[in-house]
Amino acid sequence: MTIHRLDLRRLVSDDDLKTLKGSFLDDGWVLHYLDKDVDVFDKDTGEKVLSFRKRRLDTRYPDNQINNFKKLAKASRGRGPSAGPIDPESAYWKKRTLIKTKKFTTGYLKPDGTPSKMSVNNQVFSTTIGYFNEIKGLGGKLPCRLSHYTQEFFQEYQRSIPFLEDISRWYRHTWRDAYQYQMYRAQKTPTYRIGKTPFSTVTVNRNFRTGLHKDSGDFGGVACLTVLEHGDYHGGIFLLPAFGIGINLREGDILCANVHEYHANTEIWTTPLQDEMNSQLQLKSPLIQENKDVGTAGIGMDYSRISLVCYLREKMIDCPTTT
């Protein structure tokens, strides 16, 4: 099987992209549309940017993975610029009086008329599963632990581990240096590894068009991504605008990429024919029941695009080890 190689020069500087942080980008940023096995390198530095492989993952065996992850993408207002620009006319924000809105953050007035104590982002379906390092919480510090929804859906999480280990195997095969670098670090705190992977954590997103952002808080800068699908749709192209790259990441594909580069996704959309087909599919096999009136971005769709971002949290190294 041929693995293509692309050596590309950076087209846009980080300083220029920073001015678009939190913005939605469209297909006009795509000069190189990737839908086949490829490794991409920075032509000037020689550093790898990404490895992409089509249809390498079996999402149905031994378990249908969408059943394991469908309940794990919970609503969140803390996803920063990745949640996209605040739209006061959106279904979610139209019910609230906004104050101090700045691009992708906003405050709002509570029902009693007092201002909220913190700025928040658009409400999107996005949750982390696996392990968290110690963080400050209300009333004190939260220790290193399994995330809340991992504990709540622990059986589904356990059934997902062989699939996540398969992602890890392809990571090792396609980008050995980055894999070994993360694995060496992960093995220092084995209690907080997901199975036999170098990952401590997986971010689970559903029907979530990401605004332009860089990932932070991860170790090594490389994350592995894949998608689970229910129904049919167009779009959701993974963008690396600095290089003019657009990747058609679909179910069974695996993308290992430098997520310390600015990245985003294009709009997810459907045709009338897809809407009709998806509505029939949803009636036969309802994926999830939700209150559509809440207005969370991506709510009420008959299709589901669930993306998984697998990585090692940098501060897991500070967690206590067990003997």
Protein backbone atom coordinates (compact mmCIF):
# COMPACT_ATOMS: atom_id res chain seq x y z
CA MET A 1 0.00 0.00 0.00
CA THR A 2 1.49 3.32 -1.09
CA ILE A 3 2.10 5.96 1.57
CA HIS A 4 2.41 9.33 -0.13
CA ARG A 5 4.74 12.02 1.16
CA LEU A 6 4.09 15.75 0.96
CA ASP A 7 6.70 18.39 1.78
CA LEU A 8 4.89 21.70 2.21
CA ARG A 9 5.99 25.19 3.04
CA ARG A 10 4.20 27.24 5.66
CA LEU A 11 1.84 29.67 3.92
CA VAL A 12 0.57 31.67 6.89
CA SER A 13 2.48 32.73 10.00
CA ASP A 14 1.34 31.96 13.53
CA ASP A 15 1.08 35.67 14.20
CA ASP A 16 -1.40 36.07 11.36
CA LEU A 17 -3.40 33.01 12.38
CA LYS A 18 -3.55 34.25 15.96
CA THR A 19 -5.70 37.16 14.79
CA LEU A 20 -8.28 34.57 13.67
CA LYS A 21 -8.24 32.58 16.92
CA GLY A 22 -11.73 31.33 17.74
CA SER A 23 -13.02 32.03 14.20
CA PHE A 24 -14.72 29.50 11.95
CA LEU A 25 -12.78 28.76 8.76
CA ASP A 26 -14.21 27.39 5.53
CA ASP A 27 -13.05 25.33 2.55
CA GLY A 28 -11.39 28.39 1.03
CA TRP A 29 -8.38 27.65 3.23
CA VAL A 30 -7.83 24.27 1.56
CA LEU A 31 -5.12 24.07 -1.08
CA HIS A 32 -4.22 20.45 -0.39
CA TYR A 33 -7.26 18.20 0.09
CA LEU A 34 -6.10 14.92 1.64
CA ASP A 35 -8.20 11.78 1.41
CA LYS A 36 -5.53 9.09 1.09
CA ASP A 37 -2.61 7.68 3.07
CA VAL A 38 -0.07 10.45 3.48
CA ASP A 39 2.73 11.80 5.66
CA VAL A 40 3.20 15.57 5.61
CA PHE A 41 6.44 17.38 6.47
CA ASP A 42 7.40 21.03 6.85
CA LYS A 43 9.59 21.61 3.79
CA ASP A 44 11.71 24.22 5.55
CA THR A 45 12.37 22.46 8.86
CA GLY A 46 11.96 18.80 7.87
CA GLU A 47 9.69 18.24 10.87
CA LYS A 48 6.69 15.97 10.50
CA VAL A 49 3.33 17.72 10.61
CA LEU A 50 0.97 14.73 10.41
CA SER A 51 0.39 11.12 9.41
CA PHE A 52 -2.99 10.17 7.96
CA ARG A 53 -4.26 6.67 7.18
CA LYS A 54 -7.61 5.74 5.62
CA ARG A 55 -9.89 2.97 6.92
CA ARG A 56 -7.38 1.34 9.27
CA LEU A 57 -9.60 1.08 12.36
CA ASP A 58 -12.37 -1.44 12.87
CA THR A 59 -15.03 0.57 14.71
CA ARG A 60 -17.49 -2.36 14.93
CA TYR A 61 -15.40 -5.14 16.49
CA PRO A 62 -15.33 -6.32 19.23
CA ASP A 63 -17.94 -3.68 20.12
CA ASN A 64 -19.81 -1.11 18.09
CA GLN A 65 -17.81 1.85 19.37
CA ILE A 66 -20.45 4.47 18.77
CA ASN A 67 -22.52 2.74 21.46
CA ASN A 68 -19.62 3.19 23.86
CA PHE A 69 -19.11 6.88 23.12
CA LYS A 70 -22.59 8.16 22.26
CA LYS A 71 -23.39 9.25 25.83
CA LEU A 72 -19.96 10.62 26.62
CA ALA A 73 -20.04 13.91 24.70
CA LYS A 74 -21.78 16.09 27.29
CA ALA A 75 -22.53 19.80 27.01
CA SER A 76 -19.72 22.12 28.05
CA ARG A 77 -19.18 25.88 28.10
CA GLY A 78 -15.46 25.69 28.79
CA ARG A 79 -13.87 24.81 25.47
CA GLY A 80 -12.28 28.19 24.80
CA PRO A 81 -11.63 29.32 21.21
CA SER A 82 -12.38 25.85 19.85
CA ALA A 83 -16.08 26.47 20.63
CA GLY A 84 -16.15 29.23 18.01
CA PRO A 85 -17.38 32.83 18.01
CA ILE A 86 -20.24 33.91 20.24
CA ASP A 87 -23.43 34.41 18.22
CA PRO A 88 -25.99 36.43 20.23
CA GLU A 89 -28.72 35.26 17.81
CA SER A 90 -28.05 31.55 18.34
CA ALA A 91 -30.70 29.45 20.06
CA TYR A 92 -28.62 29.12 23.21
CA TRP A 93 -27.58 32.76 23.70
CA LYS A 94 -30.83 34.33 22.50
CA LYS A 95 -32.41 33.29 25.81
CA ARG A 96 -29.80 35.23 27.80
CA THR A 97 -28.69 38.82 28.17
CA LEU A 98 -25.02 38.93 27.22
CA ILE A 99 -22.42 41.23 28.73
CA LYS A 100 -18.70 41.75 28.08
CA THR A 101 -18.72 39.63 24.92
CA LYS A 102 -15.30 39.27 23.29
CA LYS A 103 -15.03 37.03 20.21
CA PHE A 104 -15.34 33.53 21.74
CA THR A 105 -16.06 34.46 25.39
CA THR A 106 -18.99 36.18 27.06
CA GLY A 107 -20.59 36.96 30.38
CA TYR A 108 -24.35 37.09 30.92
CA LEU A 109 -26.96 38.23 33.38
CA LYS A 110 -28.38 35.58 35.70
CA PRO A 111 -32.18 35.34 36.23
CA ASP A 112 -31.91 37.68 39.23
CA GLY A 113 -30.24 40.32 37.05
CA THR A 114 -26.78 39.98 38.54
CA PRO A 115 -23.80 39.34 36.25
CA SER A 116 -22.26 35.89 35.99
CA LYS A 117 -19.00 35.55 37.90
CA MET A 118 -17.10 34.09 34.97
CA SER A 119 -16.85 34.34 31.21
CA VAL A 120 -17.87 31.25 29.26
CA ASN A 121 -17.79 29.95 25.70
CA ASN A 122 -20.43 28.56 23.35
CA GLN A 123 -22.12 25.47 24.74
CA VAL A 124 -20.97 22.48 22.69
CA PHE A 125 -20.96 18.72 23.11
CA SER A 126 -17.45 18.01 24.38
CA THR A 127 -16.23 15.92 27.31
CA THR A 128 -12.94 14.41 28.43
CA ILE A 129 -12.74 10.76 29.46
CA GLY A 130 -9.87 8.90 31.03
CA TYR A 131 -7.68 10.62 33.60
CA PHE A 132 -7.24 14.15 34.95
CA ASN A 133 -4.25 15.54 36.79
CA GLU A 134 -4.71 17.49 40.02
CA ILE A 135 -6.57 20.76 39.50
CA LYS A 136 -8.03 23.46 41.69
CA GLY A 137 -11.76 23.07 42.29
CA LEU A 138 -14.46 24.63 44.38
CA GLY A 139 -13.41 24.43 47.99
CA GLY A 140 -9.95 22.99 47.35
CA LYS A 141 -7.95 20.78 45.05
CA LEU A 142 -9.27 17.82 43.08
CA PRO A 143 -6.79 14.93 43.08
CA CYS A 144 -5.56 12.93 40.09
CA ARG A 145 -8.54 10.82 39.11
CA LEU A 146 -10.78 9.31 36.49
CA SER A 147 -13.01 11.99 35.01
CA HIS A 148 -16.59 12.23 36.26
CA TYR A 149 -18.21 10.81 33.11
CA THR A 150 -15.63 8.02 32.91
CA GLN A 151 -16.79 6.89 36.32
CA GLU A 152 -20.47 7.32 35.45
CA PHE A 153 -20.12 5.29 32.24
CA PHE A 154 -17.31 3.03 33.38
CA GLN A 155 -18.50 -0.09 31.54
CA GLU A 156 -18.68 1.79 28.24
CA TYR A 157 -15.23 3.23 28.93
CA GLN A 158 -13.79 -0.25 29.57
CA ARG A 159 -15.34 -1.56 26.35
CA SER A 160 -13.67 1.27 24.43
CA ILE A 161 -10.14 0.44 25.59
CA PRO A 162 -9.35 -2.20 22.91
CA PHE A 163 -10.35 0.35 20.26
CA LEU A 164 -8.16 3.04 21.84
CA GLU A 165 -5.31 0.51 21.97
CA ASP A 166 -5.77 -0.05 18.24
CA ILE A 167 -5.40 3.70 17.68
CA SER A 168 -2.22 3.52 19.76
CA ARG A 169 -0.82 0.69 17.63
CA TRP A 170 -1.30 2.75 14.45
CA TYR A 171 0.28 5.72 16.20
CA ARG A 172 3.37 3.62 16.90
CA HIS A 173 3.42 2.39 13.31
CA THR A 174 3.04 5.78 11.64
CA TRP A 175 4.96 8.16 13.93
CA ARG A 176 7.33 6.07 16.04
CA ASP A 177 9.44 8.92 17.44
CA ALA A 178 6.46 10.83 18.84
CA TYR A 179 4.88 7.60 20.09
CA GLN A 180 8.01 6.51 21.95
CA TYR A 181 8.49 9.97 23.44
CA GLN A 182 4.97 9.96 24.87
CA MET A 183 5.05 6.32 25.91
CA TYR A 184 8.25 6.79 27.90
CA ARG A 185 6.57 9.62 29.79
CA ALA A 186 3.28 7.75 30.24
CA GLN A 187 5.01 4.70 31.68
CA LYS A 188 6.31 6.82 34.55
CA THR A 189 2.73 7.07 35.85
CA PRO A 190 1.22 3.74 34.74
CA THR A 191 -1.82 4.11 37.01
CA TYR A 192 -3.04 6.92 34.76
CA ARG A 193 -2.61 5.29 31.34
CA ILE A 194 -5.58 4.17 29.26
CA GLY A 195 -4.93 0.47 28.74
CA LYS A 196 -1.61 -0.15 26.98
CA THR A 197 -1.62 3.22 25.23
CA PRO A 198 0.50 6.34 25.82
CA PHE A 199 -2.76 8.25 26.27
CA SER A 200 -4.11 9.45 29.59
CA THR A 201 -7.16 11.20 28.20
CA VAL A 202 -9.58 11.33 25.26
CA THR A 203 -11.66 14.37 24.34
CA VAL A 204 -15.03 13.27 22.93
CA ASN A 205 -16.78 15.80 20.65
CA ARG A 206 -20.15 15.44 18.93
CA ASN A 207 -21.49 17.51 16.01
CA PHE A 208 -18.95 20.11 17.05
CA ARG A 209 -17.48 22.49 14.48
CA THR A 210 -14.28 23.74 16.08
CA GLY A 211 -13.04 27.29 15.78
CA LEU A 212 -9.39 28.01 15.09
CA HIS A 213 -7.24 27.05 18.07
CA LYS A 214 -4.15 25.30 19.33
CA ASP A 215 -4.32 22.49 21.87
CA SER A 216 -2.58 23.03 25.20
CA GLY A 217 -1.95 21.05 28.35
CA ASP A 218 -0.81 17.97 26.43
CA PHE A 219 2.63 16.38 26.44
CA GLY A 220 4.62 16.13 23.23
CA GLY A 221 2.30 18.10 20.95
CA VAL A 222 1.03 15.11 18.95
CA ALA A 223 -2.53 13.80 19.32
CA CYS A 224 -4.35 11.01 17.48
CA LEU A 225 -7.82 11.62 16.10
CA THR A 226 -10.57 9.52 14.60
CA VAL A 227 -14.31 9.77 13.95
CA LEU A 228 -17.37 7.63 14.67
CA GLU A 229 -20.45 8.16 12.52
CA HIS A 230 -24.18 7.56 12.74
CA GLY A 231 -25.99 8.59 9.57
CA ASP A 232 -24.54 10.65 6.72
CA TYR A 233 -23.29 14.21 6.35
CA HIS A 234 -20.81 16.41 4.49
CA GLY A 235 -18.03 18.63 5.81
CA GLY A 236 -16.23 18.52 9.12
CA ILE A 237 -12.94 18.78 7.23
CA PHE A 238 -9.93 19.00 9.55
CA LEU A 239 -7.95 22.14 8.67
CA LEU A 240 -4.30 23.02 9.20
CA PRO A 241 -4.44 26.47 7.60
CA ALA A 242 -0.74 27.26 8.01
CA PHE A 243 -0.06 24.66 5.32
CA GLY A 244 -3.33 24.93 3.39
CA ILE A 245 -4.27 21.38 4.43
CA GLY A 246 -7.79 19.96 4.58
CA ILE A 247 -8.27 16.34 5.67
CA ASN A 248 -11.41 14.31 5.09
CA LEU A 249 -11.35 12.45 8.40
CA ARG A 250 -14.10 9.84 8.43
CA GLU A 251 -15.00 6.68 10.34
CA GLY A 252 -12.17 4.15 10.42
CA ASP A 253 -9.50 6.75 9.56
CA ILE A 254 -6.71 7.74 11.91
CA LEU A 255 -4.92 11.08 11.97
CA CYS A 256 -1.88 11.74 14.15
CA ALA A 257 -1.07 15.44 13.99
CA ASN A 258 0.89 18.21 15.63
CA VAL A 259 -1.97 19.86 17.48
CA HIS A 260 0.27 22.70 18.63
CA GLU A 261 -0.35 24.03 15.13
CA TYR A 262 -3.50 26.10 14.68
CA HIS A 263 -6.34 23.87 13.48
CA ALA A 264 -10.12 23.91 13.03
CA ASN A 265 -12.99 22.09 11.30
CA THR A 266 -15.23 23.21 8.49
CA GLU A 267 -19.01 23.33 8.79
CA ILE A 268 -20.88 20.02 9.06
CA TRP A 269 -23.88 20.02 6.74
CA THR A 270 -26.43 17.76 5.07
CA THR A 271 -28.44 17.67 1.85
CA PRO A 272 -32.24 17.24 1.84
CA LEU A 273 -31.75 13.63 0.71
CA GLN A 274 -29.36 12.98 3.60
CA ASP A 275 -31.84 14.58 6.00
CA GLU A 276 -34.55 12.20 4.82
CA MET A 277 -32.29 9.16 5.08
CA ASN A 278 -30.96 10.19 8.49
CA SER A 279 -34.45 10.76 9.90
CA GLN A 280 -35.42 7.22 8.93
CA LEU A 281 -32.24 5.82 10.43
CA GLN A 282 -32.80 7.74 13.64
CA LEU A 283 -36.30 6.35 14.02
CA LYS A 284 -35.00 2.81 13.69
CA SER A 285 -32.07 3.28 16.02
CA PRO A 286 -32.31 6.44 18.14
CA LEU A 287 -28.83 7.49 19.16
CA ILE A 288 -29.58 9.77 22.05
CA GLN A 289 -32.53 11.64 23.52
CA GLU A 290 -32.03 15.35 24.24
CA ASN A 291 -33.98 18.50 24.98
CA LYS A 292 -33.62 20.42 21.71
CA ASP A 293 -34.85 23.62 23.33
CA VAL A 294 -31.58 23.97 25.24
CA GLY A 295 -29.86 25.16 22.06
CA THR A 296 -26.50 23.44 22.51
CA ALA A 297 -24.56 23.64 19.24
CA GLY A 298 -25.20 20.50 17.17
CA ILE A 299 -28.28 19.45 19.14
CA GLY A 300 -31.31 17.92 17.44
CA MET A 301 -29.46 16.44 14.47
CA ASP A 302 -30.49 13.00 13.25
CA TYR A 303 -26.89 12.24 12.32
CA SER A 304 -23.97 12.16 14.75
CA ARG A 305 -20.30 12.83 14.07
CA ILE A 306 -18.33 11.87 17.16
CA SER A 307 -14.66 12.80 17.05
CA LEU A 308 -12.08 11.40 19.47
CA VAL A 309 -8.85 13.22 20.32
CA CYS A 310 -6.39 10.96 22.18
CA TYR A 311 -3.46 12.50 24.04
CA LEU A 312 -1.29 12.49 27.18
CA ARG A 313 -1.92 15.28 29.66
CA GLU A 314 1.35 17.02 30.52
CA LYS A 315 0.78 17.26 34.26
CA MET A 316 -0.03 13.57 34.76
CA ILE A 317 3.67 13.25 35.59
CA ASP A 318 2.93 14.99 38.90
CA CYS A 319 0.36 12.38 39.93
CA PRO A 320 1.34 9.93 42.68
CA THR A 321 2.28 6.44 41.51
CA THR A 322 1.03 3.30 43.23
CA THR A 323 3.05 0.20 44.01
